[in-house]
Amino acid sequence: MKSNTKETLQGIGACLLYIVLSIGGLLALFFLIRWGATASEIIMPYLYWINGILFLMCIFVLIPMALIRKTRGIAGIGLYFASYIFGLSVWLSGFLITYAYWGVIGVIVGFFLAGVGVVATALLALIINAEWALFGILFLNVAIVLGVRTLGAYLAERADRESNEIKTDNERKQYCPSCSEENVKQAKYCKACGHALSGE
């Protein structure tokens, strides 16, 4: 009898502890989101300023660098990195819009959608409230983030592929020790001076 009473009390205690921890976790999350919204409002103007400078660098420095074979890889990495800075401002914008329209509950729902859901919930809130101008701006920013990230990844991969092709081409060549003329790897004699080569 005592054993059953003890187990029952332990079960009730565990249930109460779970309830207290759950309520405590929700309260902590609530205050964290409210603090995050306040902090985001402070950070956003600076982040917009950084994004403006970074956007100009992408247009006038990184994209022209992407046209040059030797600097294409650097441009790709730079664009890929820039997309994450742009993405941070889009995420914070989505967070603030979701918080403004749907409060803490909307933000929690957004967090449960793989963390990036606050942008999706923000877009949905803007559609429901017919805020078409703001919807267009946020949607355009999402497209810029995805476009810059895709372009950066493509350029970095292309630069890597071109680098491997150059290495392969160099492995297929040999140079004459007499006149430094470039010859195919299999050549036994230099095509310019006739000097014997170690062709394979």
C-alpha atoms as a PDB file:
ATOM      1  CA  MET A   1       0.000   0.000   0.000  1.00  0.00           C
ATOM      2  CA  LYS A   2       2.830   2.374   0.962  1.00  0.00           C
ATOM      3  CA  SER A   3       4.619   1.513  -2.285  1.00  0.00           C
ATOM      4  CA  ASN A   4       1.574   2.503  -4.361  1.00  0.00           C
ATOM      5  CA  THR A   5       1.172   5.776  -2.433  1.00  0.00           C
ATOM      6  CA  LYS A   6       4.860   6.588  -2.902  1.00  0.00           C
ATOM      7  CA  GLU A   7       4.670   5.897  -6.659  1.00  0.00           C
ATOM      8  CA  THR A   8       1.519   7.999  -6.958  1.00  0.00           C
ATOM      9  CA  LEU A   9       3.161  10.907  -5.141  1.00  0.00           C
ATOM     10  CA  GLN A  10       6.262  10.590  -7.324  1.00  0.00           C
ATOM     11  CA  GLY A  11       4.065  10.623 -10.436  1.00  0.00           C
ATOM     12  CA  ILE A  12       2.178  13.713  -9.240  1.00  0.00           C
ATOM     13  CA  GLY A  13       5.479  15.407  -8.347  1.00  0.00           C
ATOM     14  CA  ALA A  14       6.945  14.648 -11.782  1.00  0.00           C
ATOM     15  CA  CYS A  15       3.762  15.948 -13.449  1.00  0.00           C
ATOM     16  CA  LEU A  16       3.845  19.170 -11.387  1.00  0.00           C
ATOM     17  CA  LEU A  17       7.555  19.630 -12.136  1.00  0.00           C
ATOM     18  CA  TYR A  18       6.838  19.211 -15.861  1.00  0.00           C
ATOM     19  CA  ILE A  19       4.020  21.797 -15.692  1.00  0.00           C
ATOM     20  CA  VAL A  20       6.197  24.285 -13.763  1.00  0.00           C
ATOM     21  CA  LEU A  21       9.126  23.808 -16.192  1.00  0.00           C
ATOM     22  CA  SER A  22       6.805  24.170 -19.196  1.00  0.00           C
ATOM     23  CA  ILE A  23       5.283  27.381 -17.851  1.00  0.00           C
ATOM     24  CA  GLY A  24       8.743  28.671 -16.953  1.00  0.00           C
ATOM     25  CA  GLY A  25      10.020  27.829 -20.441  1.00  0.00           C
ATOM     26  CA  LEU A  26       7.086  29.581 -22.105  1.00  0.00           C
ATOM     27  CA  LEU A  27       7.550  32.665 -19.911  1.00  0.00           C
ATOM     28  CA  ALA A  28      11.280  32.706 -20.690  1.00  0.00           C
ATOM     29  CA  LEU A  29      10.497  32.369 -24.404  1.00  0.00           C
ATOM     30  CA  PHE A  30       7.908  35.157 -24.163  1.00  0.00           C
ATOM     31  CA  PHE A  31      10.381  37.561 -22.517  1.00  0.00           C
ATOM     32  CA  LEU A  32      13.166  36.481 -24.882  1.00  0.00           C
ATOM     33  CA  ILE A  33      10.976  37.283 -27.902  1.00  0.00           C
ATOM     34  CA  ARG A  34       9.949  40.648 -26.427  1.00  0.00           C
ATOM     35  CA  TRP A  35      13.591  41.478 -25.675  1.00  0.00           C
ATOM     36  CA  GLY A  36      14.553  40.261 -29.159  1.00  0.00           C
ATOM     37  CA  ALA A  37      11.978  42.565 -30.743  1.00  0.00           C
ATOM     38  CA  THR A  38      13.324  45.553 -28.809  1.00  0.00           C
ATOM     39  CA  ALA A  39      16.921  44.662 -29.673  1.00  0.00           C
ATOM     40  CA  SER A  40      15.998  44.126 -33.336  1.00  0.00           C
ATOM     41  CA  GLU A  41      14.429  47.580 -33.544  1.00  0.00           C
ATOM     42  CA  ILE A  42      17.717  49.048 -32.286  1.00  0.00           C
ATOM     43  CA  ILE A  43      19.900  46.934 -34.596  1.00  0.00           C
ATOM     44  CA  MET A  44      17.874  47.285 -37.816  1.00  0.00           C
ATOM     45  CA  PRO A  45      18.903  50.857 -38.804  1.00  0.00           C
ATOM     46  CA  TYR A  46      22.587  49.900 -38.540  1.00  0.00           C
ATOM     47  CA  LEU A  47      21.984  46.668 -40.402  1.00  0.00           C
ATOM     48  CA  TYR A  48      20.222  48.529 -43.225  1.00  0.00           C
ATOM     49  CA  TRP A  49      23.206  50.869 -43.471  1.00  0.00           C
ATOM     50  CA  ILE A  50      25.637  47.902 -43.630  1.00  0.00           C
ATOM     51  CA  ASN A  51      23.404  46.215 -46.234  1.00  0.00           C
ATOM     52  CA  GLY A  52      23.448  49.355 -48.396  1.00  0.00           C
ATOM     53  CA  ILE A  53      27.242  49.468 -48.425  1.00  0.00           C
ATOM     54  CA  LEU A  54      27.442  45.717 -49.037  1.00  0.00           C
ATOM     55  CA  PHE A  55      24.923  45.922 -51.875  1.00  0.00           C
ATOM     56  CA  LEU A  56      27.001  48.642 -53.581  1.00  0.00           C
ATOM     57  CA  MET A  57      30.130  46.500 -53.117  1.00  0.00           C
ATOM     58  CA  CYS A  58      28.336  43.565 -54.743  1.00  0.00           C
ATOM     59  CA  ILE A  59      27.267  45.691 -57.733  1.00  0.00           C
ATOM     60  CA  PHE A  60      30.454  47.687 -58.293  1.00  0.00           C
ATOM     61  CA  VAL A  61      33.193  45.362 -56.987  1.00  0.00           C
ATOM     62  CA  LEU A  62      32.199  41.695 -56.725  1.00  0.00           C
ATOM     63  CA  ILE A  63      30.123  41.332 -59.896  1.00  0.00           C
ATOM     64  CA  PRO A  64      32.835  42.982 -62.067  1.00  0.00           C
ATOM     65  CA  MET A  65      35.384  40.697 -60.354  1.00  0.00           C
ATOM     66  CA  ALA A  66      33.222  37.719 -61.375  1.00  0.00           C
ATOM     67  CA  LEU A  67      33.864  38.586 -65.040  1.00  0.00           C
ATOM     68  CA  ILE A  68      37.625  38.046 -64.576  1.00  0.00           C
ATOM     69  CA  ARG A  69      38.692  34.438 -64.426  1.00  0.00           C
ATOM     70  CA  LYS A  70      41.404  34.912 -61.779  1.00  0.00           C
ATOM     71  CA  THR A  71      39.125  36.746 -59.337  1.00  0.00           C
ATOM     72  CA  ARG A  72      35.930  34.774 -60.012  1.00  0.00           C
ATOM     73  CA  GLY A  73      36.359  32.533 -56.973  1.00  0.00           C
ATOM     74  CA  ILE A  74      36.871  35.487 -54.616  1.00  0.00           C
ATOM     75  CA  ALA A  75      33.783  37.170 -56.076  1.00  0.00           C
ATOM     76  CA  GLY A  76      31.733  34.005 -55.573  1.00  0.00           C
ATOM     77  CA  ILE A  77      32.797  33.655 -51.939  1.00  0.00           C
ATOM     78  CA  GLY A  78      32.143  37.364 -51.342  1.00  0.00           C
ATOM     79  CA  LEU A  79      28.655  37.191 -52.837  1.00  0.00           C
ATOM     80  CA  TYR A  80      27.846  34.035 -50.891  1.00  0.00           C
ATOM     81  CA  PHE A  81      28.960  35.690 -47.630  1.00  0.00           C
ATOM     82  CA  ALA A  82      27.016  38.877 -48.467  1.00  0.00           C
ATOM     83  CA  SER A  83      23.836  36.832 -48.952  1.00  0.00           C
ATOM     84  CA  TYR A  84      23.962  35.820 -45.278  1.00  0.00           C
ATOM     85  CA  ILE A  85      24.213  39.457 -44.161  1.00  0.00           C
ATOM     86  CA  PHE A  86      21.269  40.295 -46.434  1.00  0.00           C
ATOM     87  CA  GLY A  87      19.463  37.228 -45.073  1.00  0.00           C
ATOM     88  CA  LEU A  88      19.942  38.401 -41.490  1.00  0.00           C
ATOM     89  CA  SER A  89      18.213  41.700 -42.216  1.00  0.00           C
ATOM     90  CA  VAL A  90      15.369  39.896 -44.036  1.00  0.00           C
ATOM     91  CA  TRP A  91      14.962  37.508 -41.108  1.00  0.00           C
ATOM     92  CA  LEU A  92      14.917  40.345 -38.563  1.00  0.00           C
ATOM     93  CA  SER A  93      12.415  42.252 -40.722  1.00  0.00           C
ATOM     94  CA  GLY A  94      10.203  39.158 -40.857  1.00  0.00           C
ATOM     95  CA  PHE A  95      10.579  38.736 -37.108  1.00  0.00           C
ATOM     96  CA  LEU A  96       9.532  42.336 -36.416  1.00  0.00           C
ATOM     97  CA  ILE A  97       6.607  42.248 -38.876  1.00  0.00           C
ATOM     98  CA  THR A  98       5.345  38.953 -37.445  1.00  0.00           C
ATOM     99  CA  TYR A  99       5.681  40.321 -33.909  1.00  0.00           C
ATOM    100  CA  ALA A 100       3.888  43.565 -34.851  1.00  0.00           C
ATOM    101  CA  TYR A 101       0.900  41.798 -36.464  1.00  0.00           C
ATOM    102  CA  TRP A 102       0.613  38.533 -34.559  1.00  0.00           C
ATOM    103  CA  GLY A 103       2.620  39.053 -31.380  1.00  0.00           C
ATOM    104  CA  VAL A 104       4.580  36.426 -29.503  1.00  0.00           C
ATOM    105  CA  ILE A 105       2.343  33.559 -30.648  1.00  0.00           C
ATOM    106  CA  GLY A 106       2.982  34.372 -34.323  1.00  0.00           C
ATOM    107  CA  VAL A 107       6.738  34.472 -33.708  1.00  0.00           C
ATOM    108  CA  ILE A 108       6.637  31.112 -31.880  1.00  0.00           C
ATOM    109  CA  VAL A 109       4.722  29.594 -34.803  1.00  0.00           C
ATOM    110  CA  GLY A 110       7.351  31.065 -37.133  1.00  0.00           C
ATOM    111  CA  PHE A 111      10.168  29.565 -35.059  1.00  0.00           C
ATOM    112  CA  PHE A 112       8.577  26.136 -35.300  1.00  0.00           C
ATOM    113  CA  LEU A 113       8.647  26.421 -39.111  1.00  0.00           C
ATOM    114  CA  ALA A 114      12.392  25.617 -39.235  1.00  0.00           C
ATOM    115  CA  GLY A 115      13.396  28.979 -37.740  1.00  0.00           C
ATOM    116  CA  VAL A 116      13.050  30.849 -41.047  1.00  0.00           C
ATOM    117  CA  GLY A 117       9.284  30.676 -40.812  1.00  0.00           C
ATOM    118  CA  VAL A 118       9.064  34.167 -39.329  1.00  0.00           C
ATOM    119  CA  VAL A 119       9.617  35.494 -42.864  1.00  0.00           C
ATOM    120  CA  ALA A 120       6.818  33.276 -44.206  1.00  0.00           C
ATOM    121  CA  THR A 121       4.495  34.301 -41.365  1.00  0.00           C
ATOM    122  CA  ALA A 122       5.391  37.962 -41.983  1.00  0.00           C
ATOM    123  CA  LEU A 123       4.531  37.630 -45.685  1.00  0.00           C
ATOM    124  CA  LEU A 124       1.249  35.954 -44.757  1.00  0.00           C
ATOM    125  CA  ALA A 125       0.443  38.713 -42.242  1.00  0.00           C
ATOM    126  CA  LEU A 126       1.121  41.363 -44.890  1.00  0.00           C
ATOM    127  CA  ILE A 127      -1.162  39.594 -47.390  1.00  0.00           C
ATOM    128  CA  ILE A 128      -3.980  39.277 -44.842  1.00  0.00           C
ATOM    129  CA  ASN A 129      -3.647  42.951 -43.895  1.00  0.00           C
ATOM    130  CA  ALA A 130      -3.328  44.064 -47.556  1.00  0.00           C
ATOM    131  CA  GLU A 131       0.047  45.742 -46.937  1.00  0.00           C
ATOM    132  CA  TRP A 132       1.081  45.252 -50.568  1.00  0.00           C
ATOM    133  CA  ALA A 133       3.949  47.739 -50.667  1.00  0.00           C
ATOM    134  CA  LEU A 134       5.616  46.211 -47.613  1.00  0.00           C
ATOM    135  CA  PHE A 135       4.880  42.721 -48.946  1.00  0.00           C
ATOM    136  CA  GLY A 136       6.595  43.622 -52.235  1.00  0.00           C
ATOM    137  CA  ILE A 137       9.663  44.992 -50.457  1.00  0.00           C
ATOM    138  CA  LEU A 138      10.030  41.932 -48.203  1.00  0.00           C
ATOM    139  CA  PHE A 139       9.421  39.531 -51.095  1.00  0.00           C
ATOM    140  CA  LEU A 140      11.998  41.372 -53.243  1.00  0.00           C
ATOM    141  CA  ASN A 141      14.529  41.177 -50.409  1.00  0.00           C
ATOM    142  CA  VAL A 142      13.943  37.426 -50.095  1.00  0.00           C
ATOM    143  CA  ALA A 143      14.507  37.081 -53.865  1.00  0.00           C
ATOM    144  CA  ILE A 144      17.734  39.132 -53.621  1.00  0.00           C
ATOM    145  CA  VAL A 145      19.047  36.925 -50.806  1.00  0.00           C
ATOM    146  CA  LEU A 146      18.319  33.724 -52.731  1.00  0.00           C
ATOM    147  CA  GLY A 147      19.645  35.173 -56.006  1.00  0.00           C
ATOM    148  CA  VAL A 148      22.906  36.452 -54.511  1.00  0.00           C
ATOM    149  CA  ARG A 149      23.467  33.189 -52.635  1.00  0.00           C
ATOM    150  CA  THR A 150      22.830  31.102 -55.755  1.00  0.00           C
ATOM    151  CA  LEU A 151      25.089  33.319 -57.877  1.00  0.00           C
ATOM    152  CA  GLY A 152      27.855  33.209 -55.259  1.00  0.00           C
ATOM    153  CA  ALA A 153      27.709  29.413 -55.020  1.00  0.00           C
ATOM    154  CA  TYR A 154      27.683  29.088 -58.825  1.00  0.00           C
ATOM    155  CA  LEU A 155      30.694  31.398 -59.265  1.00  0.00           C
ATOM    156  CA  ALA A 156      32.703  29.689 -56.525  1.00  0.00           C
ATOM    157  CA  GLU A 157      31.949  26.248 -58.015  1.00  0.00           C
ATOM    158  CA  ARG A 158      32.781  27.467 -61.530  1.00  0.00           C
ATOM    159  CA  ALA A 159      36.091  28.984 -60.361  1.00  0.00           C
ATOM    160  CA  ASP A 160      36.979  25.706 -58.672  1.00  0.00           C
ATOM    161  CA  ARG A 161      36.121  23.748 -61.834  1.00  0.00           C
ATOM    162  CA  GLU A 162      38.203  26.112 -63.988  1.00  0.00           C
ATOM    163  CA  SER A 163      41.121  25.812 -61.574  1.00  0.00           C
ATOM    164  CA  ASN A 164      40.962  22.020 -61.856  1.00  0.00           C
ATOM    165  CA  GLU A 165      40.861  22.265 -65.658  1.00  0.00           C
ATOM    166  CA  ILE A 166      43.983  24.466 -65.655  1.00  0.00           C
ATOM    167  CA  LYS A 167      45.780  21.957 -63.396  1.00  0.00           C
ATOM    168  CA  THR A 168      44.758  19.128 -65.719  1.00  0.00           C
ATOM    169  CA  ASP A 169      45.968  21.067 -68.772  1.00  0.00           C
ATOM    170  CA  ASN A 170      49.306  21.767 -67.065  1.00  0.00           C
ATOM    171  CA  GLU A 171      49.690  18.087 -66.264  1.00  0.00           C
ATOM    172  CA  ARG A 172      49.324  17.352 -70.006  1.00  0.00           C
ATOM    173  CA  LYS A 173      52.162  19.704 -70.971  1.00  0.00           C
ATOM    174  CA  GLN A 174      55.913  19.691 -70.737  1.00  0.00           C
ATOM    175  CA  TYR A 175      58.426  22.399 -71.449  1.00  0.00           C
ATOM    176  CA  CYS A 176      61.606  22.067 -73.429  1.00  0.00           C
ATOM    177  CA  PRO A 177      64.708  22.391 -71.188  1.00  0.00           C
ATOM    178  CA  SER A 178      66.584  23.973 -74.099  1.00  0.00           C
ATOM    179  CA  CYS A 179      64.184  26.656 -75.447  1.00  0.00           C
ATOM    180  CA  SER A 180      61.283  26.545 -72.888  1.00  0.00           C
ATOM    181  CA  GLU A 181      58.753  25.843 -75.671  1.00  0.00           C
ATOM    182  CA  GLU A 182      55.501  24.246 -74.499  1.00  0.00           C
ATOM    183  CA  ASN A 183      54.994  20.712 -75.829  1.00  0.00           C
ATOM    184  CA  VAL A 184      52.428  17.994 -75.264  1.00  0.00           C
ATOM    185  CA  LYS A 185      53.288  15.556 -72.482  1.00  0.00           C
ATOM    186  CA  GLN A 186      53.788  12.628 -74.891  1.00  0.00           C
ATOM    187  CA  ALA A 187      56.227  14.476 -77.215  1.00  0.00           C
ATOM    188  CA  LYS A 188      59.678  12.927 -77.536  1.00  0.00           C
ATOM    189  CA  TYR A 189      61.239  15.946 -79.260  1.00  0.00           C
ATOM    190  CA  CYS A 190      60.625  19.677 -78.933  1.00  0.00           C
ATOM    191  CA  LYS A 191      58.479  21.016 -81.748  1.00  0.00           C
ATOM    192  CA  ALA A 192      60.509  24.255 -81.855  1.00  0.00           C
ATOM    193  CA  CYS A 193      64.150  23.246 -81.505  1.00  0.00           C
ATOM    194  CA  GLY A 194      64.113  19.441 -81.808  1.00  0.00           C
ATOM    195  CA  HIS A 195      65.720  18.897 -78.425  1.00  0.00           C
ATOM    196  CA  ALA A 196      65.041  15.437 -76.930  1.00  0.00           C
ATOM    197  CA  LEU A 197      62.272  15.429 -74.321  1.00  0.00           C
ATOM    198  CA  SER A 198      61.311  12.919 -71.667  1.00  0.00           C
ATOM    199  CA  GLY A 199      57.881  12.419 -73.272  1.00  0.00           C
ATOM    200  CA  GLU A 200      55.804   9.615 -71.765  1.00  0.00           C
END
